[in-house]
Amino acid sequence: MNSGKKEKKKSFKINPWLAGVLVVILVGVIAIEARDIYEEVHEREVAVKEYDDIASEAVSLNKDTDSETKEENVSIDEVTGVPELSIDYDLLLSINSDFVGWLYWDFDVDNDKYDFTLNYPVVKENYVNQYLHVTFTGENNSSGCVFLDVDSDESFMGYSDFLFGHNMRNGSMFGSLDNLYKIPDSTEISDEPMYFYVYTKESVFKYVVYEFENTTNGNDVVYAVIGNDEEYDSYVERLKKLNNYTCPIDISFEERPEILNLSTCSGAQGTSKRFVVHGVKTDTFPK
């Protein structure tokens, strides 16, 4: 039976002291996040400048001017088909004794949005993750360096060697590699073979992109250390079964040409996802 009395609603009040503490904590969290973002962006800028400076001091790209478009392009050697780079190896070795070669890949498709250029010194690490957060000049920086891992051959003559580089948000290092699978129509990149190059003091190695794939960190199959012909043949058979990309030229594996893999992170920071480009050595040009 309704007595006619109105029940009073209980009001919930936050203790002013507690509210103040919560505000302080929230402001602190925001400040920490802002600091981390600033430091990350600053480190990227420092790393980009370092590698730009190194490239300008140690590497000269010989260029030709297109008579019609007036655009400058890197000159291509008429005999070898290799981009003409003049590299001061002695200078690079004086900066870092772990220097083993220079990586160059100029990726150009009809849609300029996906174009990129890899133009970096390569070092060989002496212990695991030595250069994960250390630049070519030895500075501590989250951008790290492009490096051959401890199990790879520093002369690029191993069955299957691995080059690692960070997937930087600003597109530096290996941050543009995932453009390969972001292109809406994969046929846009399949008309012509894709080549990248490693320049050493003794030779220039030419690699054709044979396949690329998404995988996970530590995948025992993808990142396998290959030590003999049987393991090599098994690795190649797996590559042949992938269908992420079709190399436009026929590659013979009878002579077991060296494979050079470019590996980087894929997806959100901290994820175990990886993106790997598998390149096969097609030519060696002694200097």
C-alpha atoms as a PDB file:
ATOM      1  CA  MET A   1       0.000   0.000   0.000  1.00  0.00           C
ATOM      2  CA  ASN A   2       1.363   3.396  -0.995  1.00  0.00           C
ATOM      3  CA  SER A   3       1.777   5.572   2.063  1.00  0.00           C
ATOM      4  CA  GLY A   4       2.032   8.705  -0.047  1.00  0.00           C
ATOM      5  CA  LYS A   5       5.519   9.479   1.182  1.00  0.00           C
ATOM      6  CA  LYS A   6       8.213  10.258  -1.382  1.00  0.00           C
ATOM      7  CA  GLU A   7      11.394   8.299  -0.959  1.00  0.00           C
ATOM      8  CA  LYS A   8      14.542  10.368  -0.977  1.00  0.00           C
ATOM      9  CA  LYS A   9      17.072   9.375  -3.640  1.00  0.00           C
ATOM     10  CA  LYS A  10      20.523   8.769  -2.359  1.00  0.00           C
ATOM     11  CA  SER A  11      23.131  10.974  -4.011  1.00  0.00           C
ATOM     12  CA  PHE A  12      26.654   9.752  -4.648  1.00  0.00           C
ATOM     13  CA  LYS A  13      29.354  12.245  -3.869  1.00  0.00           C
ATOM     14  CA  ILE A  14      33.023  11.844  -4.733  1.00  0.00           C
ATOM     15  CA  ASN A  15      35.382  12.701  -1.976  1.00  0.00           C
ATOM     16  CA  PRO A  16      37.134  15.924  -3.066  1.00  0.00           C
ATOM     17  CA  TRP A  17      40.471  14.565  -1.904  1.00  0.00           C
ATOM     18  CA  LEU A  18      40.002  11.360  -3.917  1.00  0.00           C
ATOM     19  CA  ALA A  19      38.909  13.337  -6.972  1.00  0.00           C
ATOM     20  CA  GLY A  20      42.051  15.432  -6.722  1.00  0.00           C
ATOM     21  CA  VAL A  21      44.224  12.329  -6.521  1.00  0.00           C
ATOM     22  CA  LEU A  22      42.523  10.850  -9.607  1.00  0.00           C
ATOM     23  CA  VAL A  23      43.066  14.055 -11.560  1.00  0.00           C
ATOM     24  CA  VAL A  24      46.737  14.113 -10.608  1.00  0.00           C
ATOM     25  CA  ILE A  25      47.146  10.474 -11.675  1.00  0.00           C
ATOM     26  CA  LEU A  26      45.367  11.122 -14.988  1.00  0.00           C
ATOM     27  CA  VAL A  27      47.485  14.176 -15.710  1.00  0.00           C
ATOM     28  CA  GLY A  28      50.603  12.173 -14.840  1.00  0.00           C
ATOM     29  CA  VAL A  29      49.660   9.362 -17.232  1.00  0.00           C
ATOM     30  CA  ILE A  30      48.990  11.855 -20.031  1.00  0.00           C
ATOM     31  CA  ALA A  31      52.308  13.582 -19.349  1.00  0.00           C
ATOM     32  CA  ILE A  32      54.212  10.282 -19.462  1.00  0.00           C
ATOM     33  CA  GLU A  33      52.511   9.275 -22.714  1.00  0.00           C
ATOM     34  CA  ALA A  34      53.249  12.689 -24.221  1.00  0.00           C
ATOM     35  CA  ARG A  35      56.893  12.422 -23.160  1.00  0.00           C
ATOM     36  CA  ASP A  36      57.216   8.933 -24.659  1.00  0.00           C
ATOM     37  CA  ILE A  37      55.671  10.073 -27.941  1.00  0.00           C
ATOM     38  CA  TYR A  38      57.963  13.099 -28.068  1.00  0.00           C
ATOM     39  CA  GLU A  39      61.044  10.980 -27.369  1.00  0.00           C
ATOM     40  CA  GLU A  40      60.035   8.434 -30.008  1.00  0.00           C
ATOM     41  CA  VAL A  41      59.462  11.106 -32.649  1.00  0.00           C
ATOM     42  CA  HIS A  42      62.684  12.875 -31.681  1.00  0.00           C
ATOM     43  CA  GLU A  43      64.684   9.644 -31.908  1.00  0.00           C
ATOM     44  CA  ARG A  44      63.266   8.979 -35.369  1.00  0.00           C
ATOM     45  CA  GLU A  45      64.239  12.452 -36.517  1.00  0.00           C
ATOM     46  CA  VAL A  46      67.753  12.011 -35.126  1.00  0.00           C
ATOM     47  CA  ALA A  47      68.117   8.625 -36.853  1.00  0.00           C
ATOM     48  CA  VAL A  48      66.800   9.904 -40.191  1.00  0.00           C
ATOM     49  CA  LYS A  49      69.266  12.800 -40.096  1.00  0.00           C
ATOM     50  CA  GLU A  50      72.128  10.474 -39.187  1.00  0.00           C
ATOM     51  CA  TYR A  51      71.478   8.160 -42.127  1.00  0.00           C
ATOM     52  CA  ASP A  52      70.879  11.073 -44.496  1.00  0.00           C
ATOM     53  CA  ASP A  53      74.210  12.533 -43.435  1.00  0.00           C
ATOM     54  CA  ILE A  54      75.974   9.191 -43.876  1.00  0.00           C
ATOM     55  CA  ALA A  55      74.455   8.723 -47.333  1.00  0.00           C
ATOM     56  CA  SER A  56      75.436  12.234 -48.424  1.00  0.00           C
ATOM     57  CA  GLU A  57      78.999  11.847 -47.144  1.00  0.00           C
ATOM     58  CA  ALA A  58      79.752   8.277 -48.205  1.00  0.00           C
ATOM     59  CA  VAL A  59      77.534   7.581 -51.217  1.00  0.00           C
ATOM     60  CA  SER A  60      77.102   9.360 -54.521  1.00  0.00           C
ATOM     61  CA  LEU A  61      74.246   8.399 -56.832  1.00  0.00           C
ATOM     62  CA  ASN A  62      75.275   8.948 -60.427  1.00  0.00           C
ATOM     63  CA  LYS A  63      72.249  10.433 -62.191  1.00  0.00           C
ATOM     64  CA  ASP A  64      70.910  10.995 -65.690  1.00  0.00           C
ATOM     65  CA  THR A  65      68.311  13.549 -66.726  1.00  0.00           C
ATOM     66  CA  ASP A  66      65.363  12.369 -68.805  1.00  0.00           C
ATOM     67  CA  SER A  67      65.285  14.445 -71.987  1.00  0.00           C
ATOM     68  CA  GLU A  68      61.489  14.550 -72.055  1.00  0.00           C
ATOM     69  CA  THR A  69      60.381  14.773 -68.415  1.00  0.00           C
ATOM     70  CA  LYS A  70      63.563  16.499 -67.214  1.00  0.00           C
ATOM     71  CA  GLU A  71      63.458  14.221 -64.176  1.00  0.00           C
ATOM     72  CA  GLU A  72      66.680  12.952 -62.660  1.00  0.00           C
ATOM     73  CA  ASN A  73      67.081   9.214 -62.258  1.00  0.00           C
ATOM     74  CA  VAL A  74      69.915   7.073 -60.979  1.00  0.00           C
ATOM     75  CA  SER A  75      72.134   6.009 -63.850  1.00  0.00           C
ATOM     76  CA  ILE A  76      72.045   2.337 -64.779  1.00  0.00           C
ATOM     77  CA  ASP A  77      75.206   0.648 -65.968  1.00  0.00           C
ATOM     78  CA  GLU A  78      74.617  -0.400 -69.582  1.00  0.00           C
ATOM     79  CA  VAL A  79      76.571  -3.640 -69.193  1.00  0.00           C
ATOM     80  CA  THR A  80      75.472  -4.912 -65.777  1.00  0.00           C
ATOM     81  CA  GLY A  81      72.117  -3.173 -65.391  1.00  0.00           C
ATOM     82  CA  VAL A  82      73.165  -2.141 -61.884  1.00  0.00           C
ATOM     83  CA  PRO A  83      72.424   1.343 -60.463  1.00  0.00           C
ATOM     84  CA  GLU A  84      75.629   3.380 -60.415  1.00  0.00           C
ATOM     85  CA  LEU A  85      76.582   4.166 -56.833  1.00  0.00           C
ATOM     86  CA  SER A  86      79.968   5.504 -55.829  1.00  0.00           C
ATOM     87  CA  ILE A  87      80.602   4.372 -52.248  1.00  0.00           C
ATOM     88  CA  ASP A  88      83.386   5.363 -49.878  1.00  0.00           C
ATOM     89  CA  TYR A  89      83.890   2.008 -48.153  1.00  0.00           C
ATOM     90  CA  ASP A  90      86.924   3.159 -46.195  1.00  0.00           C
ATOM     91  CA  LEU A  91      84.950   6.028 -44.669  1.00  0.00           C
ATOM     92  CA  LEU A  92      82.093   3.727 -43.686  1.00  0.00           C
ATOM     93  CA  LEU A  93      84.502   1.214 -42.134  1.00  0.00           C
ATOM     94  CA  SER A  94      86.168   4.014 -40.199  1.00  0.00           C
ATOM     95  CA  ILE A  95      82.769   4.939 -38.743  1.00  0.00           C
ATOM     96  CA  ASN A  96      81.816   1.349 -37.940  1.00  0.00           C
ATOM     97  CA  SER A  97      84.119  -1.652 -38.265  1.00  0.00           C
ATOM     98  CA  ASP A  98      81.073  -3.951 -38.478  1.00  0.00           C
ATOM     99  CA  PHE A  99      80.082  -2.411 -41.824  1.00  0.00           C
ATOM    100  CA  VAL A 100      79.753  -5.128 -44.506  1.00  0.00           C
ATOM    101  CA  GLY A 101      77.848  -3.558 -47.393  1.00  0.00           C
ATOM    102  CA  TRP A 102      75.410  -0.988 -48.707  1.00  0.00           C
ATOM    103  CA  LEU A 103      71.758  -1.884 -49.408  1.00  0.00           C
ATOM    104  CA  TYR A 104      69.981  -0.129 -52.297  1.00  0.00           C
ATOM    105  CA  TRP A 105      66.450  -0.704 -53.599  1.00  0.00           C
ATOM    106  CA  ASP A 106      64.532   1.870 -55.608  1.00  0.00           C
ATOM    107  CA  PHE A 107      60.920   0.644 -55.777  1.00  0.00           C
ATOM    108  CA  ASP A 108      58.855   2.495 -58.367  1.00  0.00           C
ATOM    109  CA  VAL A 109      55.289   1.698 -59.502  1.00  0.00           C
ATOM    110  CA  ASP A 110      52.607   3.642 -61.351  1.00  0.00           C
ATOM    111  CA  ASN A 111      51.002   4.680 -58.085  1.00  0.00           C
ATOM    112  CA  ASP A 112      53.589   6.962 -56.453  1.00  0.00           C
ATOM    113  CA  LYS A 113      51.919   6.424 -53.087  1.00  0.00           C
ATOM    114  CA  TYR A 114      53.699   3.091 -52.766  1.00  0.00           C
ATOM    115  CA  ASP A 115      57.148   4.104 -54.037  1.00  0.00           C
ATOM    116  CA  PHE A 116      60.105   3.831 -51.691  1.00  0.00           C
ATOM    117  CA  THR A 117      63.882   3.792 -51.669  1.00  0.00           C
ATOM    118  CA  LEU A 118      66.092   1.756 -49.349  1.00  0.00           C
ATOM    119  CA  ASN A 119      69.531   3.349 -49.207  1.00  0.00           C
ATOM    120  CA  TYR A 120      71.324   2.204 -46.044  1.00  0.00           C
ATOM    121  CA  PRO A 121      74.600   0.887 -44.682  1.00  0.00           C
ATOM    122  CA  VAL A 122      74.492  -2.703 -43.448  1.00  0.00           C
ATOM    123  CA  VAL A 123      76.349  -4.054 -40.435  1.00  0.00           C
ATOM    124  CA  LYS A 124      76.939  -7.588 -39.184  1.00  0.00           C
ATOM    125  CA  GLU A 125      75.999  -8.044 -35.551  1.00  0.00           C
ATOM    126  CA  ASN A 126      78.439  -9.854 -33.249  1.00  0.00           C
ATOM    127  CA  TYR A 127      75.800 -10.931 -30.763  1.00  0.00           C
ATOM    128  CA  VAL A 128      72.010 -11.193 -30.813  1.00  0.00           C
ATOM    129  CA  ASN A 129      70.197  -7.848 -31.157  1.00  0.00           C
ATOM    130  CA  GLN A 130      73.408  -5.833 -30.935  1.00  0.00           C
ATOM    131  CA  TYR A 131      72.050  -3.274 -33.397  1.00  0.00           C
ATOM    132  CA  LEU A 132      68.366  -3.508 -32.551  1.00  0.00           C
ATOM    133  CA  HIS A 133      68.502  -0.151 -30.753  1.00  0.00           C
ATOM    134  CA  VAL A 134      71.911   1.131 -31.809  1.00  0.00           C
ATOM    135  CA  THR A 135      72.520   3.218 -34.926  1.00  0.00           C
ATOM    136  CA  PHE A 136      75.340   2.871 -37.430  1.00  0.00           C
ATOM    137  CA  THR A 137      77.408   5.447 -35.537  1.00  0.00           C
ATOM    138  CA  GLY A 138      76.895   3.596 -32.247  1.00  0.00           C
ATOM    139  CA  GLU A 139      74.250   5.869 -30.726  1.00  0.00           C
ATOM    140  CA  ASN A 140      71.502   4.386 -28.564  1.00  0.00           C
ATOM    141  CA  ASN A 141      68.332   4.927 -30.562  1.00  0.00           C
ATOM    142  CA  SER A 142      65.134   2.890 -30.976  1.00  0.00           C
ATOM    143  CA  SER A 143      65.482   3.175 -34.771  1.00  0.00           C
ATOM    144  CA  GLY A 144      68.497   0.892 -34.681  1.00  0.00           C
ATOM    145  CA  CYS A 145      70.360  -0.146 -37.808  1.00  0.00           C
ATOM    146  CA  VAL A 146      69.917  -2.446 -40.815  1.00  0.00           C
ATOM    147  CA  PHE A 147      71.866  -5.532 -39.782  1.00  0.00           C
ATOM    148  CA  LEU A 148      72.747  -9.089 -40.694  1.00  0.00           C
ATOM    149  CA  ASP A 149      71.966 -11.395 -37.802  1.00  0.00           C
ATOM    150  CA  VAL A 150      74.587 -13.512 -36.055  1.00  0.00           C
ATOM    151  CA  ASP A 151      73.742 -16.632 -38.072  1.00  0.00           C
ATOM    152  CA  SER A 152      74.137 -14.908 -41.455  1.00  0.00           C
ATOM    153  CA  ASP A 153      77.272 -14.810 -43.596  1.00  0.00           C
ATOM    154  CA  GLU A 154      78.938 -11.393 -43.568  1.00  0.00           C
ATOM    155  CA  SER A 155      80.076 -11.890 -47.170  1.00  0.00           C
ATOM    156  CA  PHE A 156      76.464 -12.550 -48.271  1.00  0.00           C
ATOM    157  CA  MET A 157      77.359 -16.068 -49.388  1.00  0.00           C
ATOM    158  CA  GLY A 158      75.191 -18.064 -46.987  1.00  0.00           C
ATOM    159  CA  TYR A 159      72.395 -20.361 -48.089  1.00  0.00           C
ATOM    160  CA  SER A 160      69.806 -18.001 -46.610  1.00  0.00           C
ATOM    161  CA  ASP A 161      70.915 -14.803 -44.873  1.00  0.00           C
ATOM    162  CA  PHE A 162      68.685 -12.338 -43.016  1.00  0.00           C
ATOM    163  CA  LEU A 163      68.728  -8.554 -42.990  1.00  0.00           C
ATOM    164  CA  PHE A 164      66.661  -6.972 -40.225  1.00  0.00           C
ATOM    165  CA  GLY A 165      65.376  -3.407 -40.009  1.00  0.00           C
ATOM    166  CA  HIS A 166      62.701  -1.624 -37.982  1.00  0.00           C
ATOM    167  CA  ASN A 167      59.331  -0.813 -39.524  1.00  0.00           C
ATOM    168  CA  MET A 168      59.420   2.908 -38.763  1.00  0.00           C
ATOM    169  CA  ARG A 169      56.164   4.864 -38.896  1.00  0.00           C
ATOM    170  CA  ASN A 170      57.814   7.613 -40.887  1.00  0.00           C
ATOM    171  CA  GLY A 171      58.738   5.118 -43.612  1.00  0.00           C
ATOM    172  CA  SER A 172      62.456   5.079 -42.839  1.00  0.00           C
ATOM    173  CA  MET A 173      64.544   1.922 -42.398  1.00  0.00           C
ATOM    174  CA  PHE A 174      62.255  -0.959 -43.493  1.00  0.00           C
ATOM    175  CA  GLY A 175      59.103   1.049 -42.778  1.00  0.00           C
ATOM    176  CA  SER A 176      58.060   1.042 -46.439  1.00  0.00           C
ATOM    177  CA  LEU A 177      58.472  -2.664 -47.190  1.00  0.00           C
ATOM    178  CA  ASP A 178      54.875  -3.457 -46.314  1.00  0.00           C
ATOM    179  CA  ASN A 179      53.855  -1.244 -49.244  1.00  0.00           C
ATOM    180  CA  LEU A 180      54.363  -4.411 -51.280  1.00  0.00           C
ATOM    181  CA  TYR A 181      51.256  -6.046 -49.878  1.00  0.00           C
ATOM    182  CA  LYS A 182      49.315  -2.807 -49.419  1.00  0.00           C
ATOM    183  CA  ILE A 183      49.092  -2.189 -53.162  1.00  0.00           C
ATOM    184  CA  PRO A 184      45.397  -2.847 -54.027  1.00  0.00           C
ATOM    185  CA  ASP A 185      46.129  -4.676 -57.262  1.00  0.00           C
ATOM    186  CA  SER A 186      49.155  -6.941 -56.973  1.00  0.00           C
ATOM    187  CA  THR A 187      49.400  -7.107 -60.761  1.00  0.00           C
ATOM    188  CA  GLU A 188      50.763  -3.556 -60.642  1.00  0.00           C
ATOM    189  CA  ILE A 189      54.060  -4.906 -59.361  1.00  0.00           C
ATOM    190  CA  SER A 190      54.223  -8.178 -61.275  1.00  0.00           C
ATOM    191  CA  ASP A 191      54.883  -6.906 -64.818  1.00  0.00           C
ATOM    192  CA  GLU A 192      58.573  -6.297 -64.193  1.00  0.00           C
ATOM    193  CA  PRO A 193      60.896  -8.105 -61.782  1.00  0.00           C
ATOM    194  CA  MET A 194      61.844  -6.227 -58.620  1.00  0.00           C
ATOM    195  CA  TYR A 195      65.554  -6.042 -57.905  1.00  0.00           C
ATOM    196  CA  PHE A 196      67.552  -4.852 -54.940  1.00  0.00           C
ATOM    197  CA  TYR A 197      71.325  -4.660 -54.555  1.00  0.00           C
ATOM    198  CA  VAL A 198      74.062  -5.035 -51.985  1.00  0.00           C
ATOM    199  CA  TYR A 199      77.320  -3.215 -52.697  1.00  0.00           C
ATOM    200  CA  THR A 200      80.447  -4.488 -50.986  1.00  0.00           C
ATOM    201  CA  LYS A 201      84.074  -3.434 -51.445  1.00  0.00           C
ATOM    202  CA  GLU A 202      84.714  -6.485 -53.627  1.00  0.00           C
ATOM    203  CA  SER A 203      81.418  -7.029 -55.493  1.00  0.00           C
ATOM    204  CA  VAL A 204      77.890  -5.922 -56.255  1.00  0.00           C
ATOM    205  CA  PHE A 205      75.199  -8.533 -55.600  1.00  0.00           C
ATOM    206  CA  LYS A 206      71.937  -8.362 -57.519  1.00  0.00           C
ATOM    207  CA  TYR A 207      68.819  -9.953 -56.017  1.00  0.00           C
ATOM    208  CA  VAL A 208      65.387 -10.481 -57.516  1.00  0.00           C
ATOM    209  CA  VAL A 209      62.348 -10.521 -55.236  1.00  0.00           C
ATOM    210  CA  TYR A 210      61.052 -14.069 -55.429  1.00  0.00           C
ATOM    211  CA  GLU A 211      58.326 -13.999 -52.764  1.00  0.00           C
ATOM    212  CA  PHE A 212      57.168 -12.111 -49.696  1.00  0.00           C
ATOM    213  CA  GLU A 213      55.020 -13.174 -46.773  1.00  0.00           C
ATOM    214  CA  ASN A 214      53.536 -12.279 -43.422  1.00  0.00           C
ATOM    215  CA  THR A 215      54.687 -14.467 -40.577  1.00  0.00           C
ATOM    216  CA  THR A 216      55.434 -14.338 -36.845  1.00  0.00           C
ATOM    217  CA  ASN A 217      58.585 -13.633 -34.902  1.00  0.00           C
ATOM    218  CA  GLY A 218      60.670 -16.739 -34.345  1.00  0.00           C
ATOM    219  CA  ASN A 219      58.877 -18.857 -36.949  1.00  0.00           C
ATOM    220  CA  ASP A 220      61.208 -21.867 -37.073  1.00  0.00           C
ATOM    221  CA  VAL A 221      60.435 -22.486 -40.740  1.00  0.00           C
ATOM    222  CA  VAL A 222      60.748 -18.951 -42.123  1.00  0.00           C
ATOM    223  CA  TYR A 223      63.744 -18.005 -39.971  1.00  0.00           C
ATOM    224  CA  ALA A 224      65.439 -21.391 -40.202  1.00  0.00           C
ATOM    225  CA  VAL A 225      69.223 -21.510 -40.130  1.00  0.00           C
ATOM    226  CA  ILE A 226      70.134 -23.431 -43.257  1.00  0.00           C
ATOM    227  CA  GLY A 227      73.376 -25.354 -43.121  1.00  0.00           C
ATOM    228  CA  ASN A 228      73.317 -27.851 -45.978  1.00  0.00           C
ATOM    229  CA  ASP A 229      71.919 -28.580 -49.455  1.00  0.00           C
ATOM    230  CA  GLU A 230      69.026 -30.668 -48.176  1.00  0.00           C
ATOM    231  CA  GLU A 231      67.813 -27.914 -45.856  1.00  0.00           C
ATOM    232  CA  TYR A 232      68.205 -25.367 -48.655  1.00  0.00           C
ATOM    233  CA  ASP A 233      66.134 -27.462 -51.082  1.00  0.00           C
ATOM    234  CA  SER A 234      63.406 -27.886 -48.486  1.00  0.00           C
ATOM    235  CA  TYR A 235      63.333 -24.131 -47.847  1.00  0.00           C
ATOM    236  CA  VAL A 236      63.064 -23.383 -51.569  1.00  0.00           C
ATOM    237  CA  GLU A 237      60.237 -25.875 -52.053  1.00  0.00           C
ATOM    238  CA  ARG A 238      58.286 -24.044 -49.384  1.00  0.00           C
ATOM    239  CA  LEU A 239      58.918 -20.695 -51.098  1.00  0.00           C
ATOM    240  CA  LYS A 240      57.644 -22.117 -54.376  1.00  0.00           C
ATOM    241  CA  LYS A 241      54.336 -22.987 -52.729  1.00  0.00           C
ATOM    242  CA  LEU A 242      53.671 -19.474 -51.471  1.00  0.00           C
ATOM    243  CA  ASN A 243      51.235 -17.486 -53.576  1.00  0.00           C
ATOM    244  CA  ASN A 244      51.629 -13.941 -52.298  1.00  0.00           C
ATOM    245  CA  TYR A 245      53.597 -12.851 -55.341  1.00  0.00           C
ATOM    246  CA  THR A 246      54.645 -14.332 -58.674  1.00  0.00           C
ATOM    247  CA  CYS A 247      58.160 -13.487 -59.789  1.00  0.00           C
ATOM    248  CA  PRO A 248      57.986 -12.470 -63.486  1.00  0.00           C
ATOM    249  CA  ILE A 249      61.190 -14.309 -64.416  1.00  0.00           C
ATOM    250  CA  ASP A 250      62.107 -17.961 -64.095  1.00  0.00           C
ATOM    251  CA  ILE A 251      64.565 -18.674 -61.310  1.00  0.00           C
ATOM    252  CA  SER A 252      66.660 -21.829 -61.347  1.00  0.00           C
ATOM    253  CA  PHE A 253      67.607 -23.197 -57.947  1.00  0.00           C
ATOM    254  CA  GLU A 254      69.772 -26.022 -59.322  1.00  0.00           C
ATOM    255  CA  GLU A 255      72.983 -24.204 -58.439  1.00  0.00           C
ATOM    256  CA  ARG A 256      71.459 -23.144 -55.101  1.00  0.00           C
ATOM    257  CA  PRO A 257      71.814 -19.357 -55.469  1.00  0.00           C
ATOM    258  CA  GLU A 258      72.108 -17.465 -52.211  1.00  0.00           C
ATOM    259  CA  ILE A 259      68.894 -16.137 -50.674  1.00  0.00           C
ATOM    260  CA  LEU A 260      68.806 -12.800 -48.863  1.00  0.00           C
ATOM    261  CA  ASN A 261      65.733 -12.116 -46.750  1.00  0.00           C
ATOM    262  CA  LEU A 262      64.625  -8.648 -45.606  1.00  0.00           C
ATOM    263  CA  SER A 263      62.638  -8.871 -42.379  1.00  0.00           C
ATOM    264  CA  THR A 264      60.706  -6.248 -40.443  1.00  0.00           C
ATOM    265  CA  CYS A 265      57.837  -5.885 -37.984  1.00  0.00           C
ATOM    266  CA  SER A 266      54.293  -5.759 -39.295  1.00  0.00           C
ATOM    267  CA  GLY A 267      51.270  -4.300 -37.520  1.00  0.00           C
ATOM    268  CA  ALA A 268      50.991  -2.585 -34.150  1.00  0.00           C
ATOM    269  CA  GLN A 269      54.065  -1.895 -32.039  1.00  0.00           C
ATOM    270  CA  GLY A 270      54.971  -4.854 -29.864  1.00  0.00           C
ATOM    271  CA  THR A 271      53.192  -7.388 -32.043  1.00  0.00           C
ATOM    272  CA  SER A 272      54.851 -10.663 -33.001  1.00  0.00           C
ATOM    273  CA  LYS A 273      53.825 -10.230 -36.650  1.00  0.00           C
ATOM    274  CA  ARG A 274      56.623  -9.984 -39.195  1.00  0.00           C
ATOM    275  CA  PHE A 275      56.894  -9.253 -42.917  1.00  0.00           C
ATOM    276  CA  VAL A 276      59.648 -10.966 -44.904  1.00  0.00           C
ATOM    277  CA  VAL A 277      60.807 -10.309 -48.457  1.00  0.00           C
ATOM    278  CA  HIS A 278      62.681 -13.244 -49.997  1.00  0.00           C
ATOM    279  CA  GLY A 279      65.317 -12.223 -52.548  1.00  0.00           C
ATOM    280  CA  VAL A 280      67.359 -14.602 -54.704  1.00  0.00           C
ATOM    281  CA  LYS A 281      70.831 -13.663 -55.944  1.00  0.00           C
ATOM    282  CA  THR A 282      70.800 -13.570 -59.730  1.00  0.00           C
ATOM    283  CA  ASP A 283      74.187 -11.986 -60.456  1.00  0.00           C
ATOM    284  CA  THR A 284      77.497 -11.101 -58.864  1.00  0.00           C
ATOM    285  CA  PHE A 285      79.558  -8.338 -60.425  1.00  0.00           C
ATOM    286  CA  PRO A 286      83.179  -8.213 -59.185  1.00  0.00           C
ATOM    287  CA  LYS A 287      84.770  -4.776 -59.003  1.00  0.00           C
END
